[in-house]
Amino acid sequence: MTHDSDLAELSTVRAQVDDLIRRVVAVAEHYDDSADSAVAADLYAAERSLVAARRQLDRATDHLG
């Protein structure tokens, strides 16, 4: 892969991570005030991990750019 195609690939991956974050949060919000609030807690933990992954993708992109 060339430098430009690597940047394009990382951009695509970042967009997918953003979409996953939105989807995970949408499901978590359904369980916020329910008897299954442990489900929400686990999903919010997954969201935090995805946000951390997005930050690392941004750093990698910055190093390439």
Protein backbone atom coordinates (compact mmCIF):
# COMPACT_ATOMS: atom_id res chain seq x y z
CA MET A 1 0.00 0.00 0.00
CA THR A 2 1.11 3.51 -0.67
CA HIS A 3 1.12 6.28 1.88
CA ASP A 4 -2.05 7.84 0.43
CA SER A 5 -3.91 4.55 0.35
CA ASP A 6 -2.92 3.92 3.98
CA LEU A 7 -4.40 7.29 4.95
CA ALA A 8 -7.56 6.49 3.01
CA GLU A 9 -7.82 3.09 4.69
CA LEU A 10 -7.40 4.61 8.15
CA SER A 11 -10.04 7.21 7.32
CA THR A 12 -12.46 4.43 6.38
CA VAL A 13 -11.69 2.48 9.53
CA ARG A 14 -12.20 5.61 11.65
CA ALA A 15 -15.60 6.20 10.05
CA GLN A 16 -16.55 2.61 10.84
CA VAL A 17 -15.45 3.03 14.46
CA ASP A 18 -17.53 6.23 14.69
CA ASP A 19 -20.53 4.29 13.41
CA LEU A 20 -19.94 1.49 15.93
CA ILE A 21 -19.75 4.04 18.74
CA ARG A 22 -23.11 5.53 17.73
CA ARG A 23 -24.71 2.09 17.46
CA VAL A 24 -23.37 0.84 20.80
CA VAL A 25 -24.53 4.01 22.58
CA ALA A 26 -27.99 3.73 20.99
CA VAL A 27 -28.40 0.22 22.38
CA ALA A 28 -26.95 1.21 25.77
CA GLU A 29 -29.44 4.05 26.12
CA HIS A 30 -32.29 1.55 25.86
CA TYR A 31 -31.03 -0.13 29.04
CA ASP A 32 -30.08 2.97 31.07
CA ASP A 33 -33.11 3.00 33.34
CA SER A 34 -34.07 -0.64 33.21
CA ALA A 35 -33.59 -3.67 35.38
CA ASP A 36 -30.85 -4.61 32.89
CA SER A 37 -28.71 -1.56 33.68
CA ALA A 38 -25.68 -3.89 33.86
CA VAL A 39 -26.10 -4.29 30.11
CA ALA A 40 -25.84 -0.51 29.72
CA ALA A 41 -22.74 -0.41 31.92
CA ASP A 42 -21.04 -3.05 29.77
CA LEU A 43 -22.00 -1.26 26.57
CA TYR A 44 -20.70 2.07 27.88
CA ALA A 45 -17.43 0.30 28.73
CA ALA A 46 -17.31 -0.94 25.13
CA GLU A 47 -17.97 2.62 23.97
CA ARG A 48 -15.00 3.88 26.01
CA SER A 49 -12.79 1.24 24.39
CA LEU A 50 -13.97 2.25 20.94
CA VAL A 51 -13.30 5.92 21.70
CA ALA A 52 -9.78 4.98 22.81
CA ALA A 53 -9.30 3.02 19.59
CA ARG A 54 -10.47 6.03 17.59
CA ARG A 55 -7.90 8.23 19.37
CA GLN A 56 -5.14 5.77 18.51
CA LEU A 57 -6.26 5.69 14.88
CA ASP A 58 -6.11 9.49 14.88
CA ARG A 59 -2.57 9.39 16.28
CA ALA A 60 -1.48 6.88 13.64
CA THR A 61 -3.02 9.08 10.95
CA ASP A 62 -1.21 12.12 12.34
CA HIS A 63 2.11 10.24 12.19
CA LEU A 64 1.49 9.43 8.53
CA GLY A 65 0.28 12.93 7.68
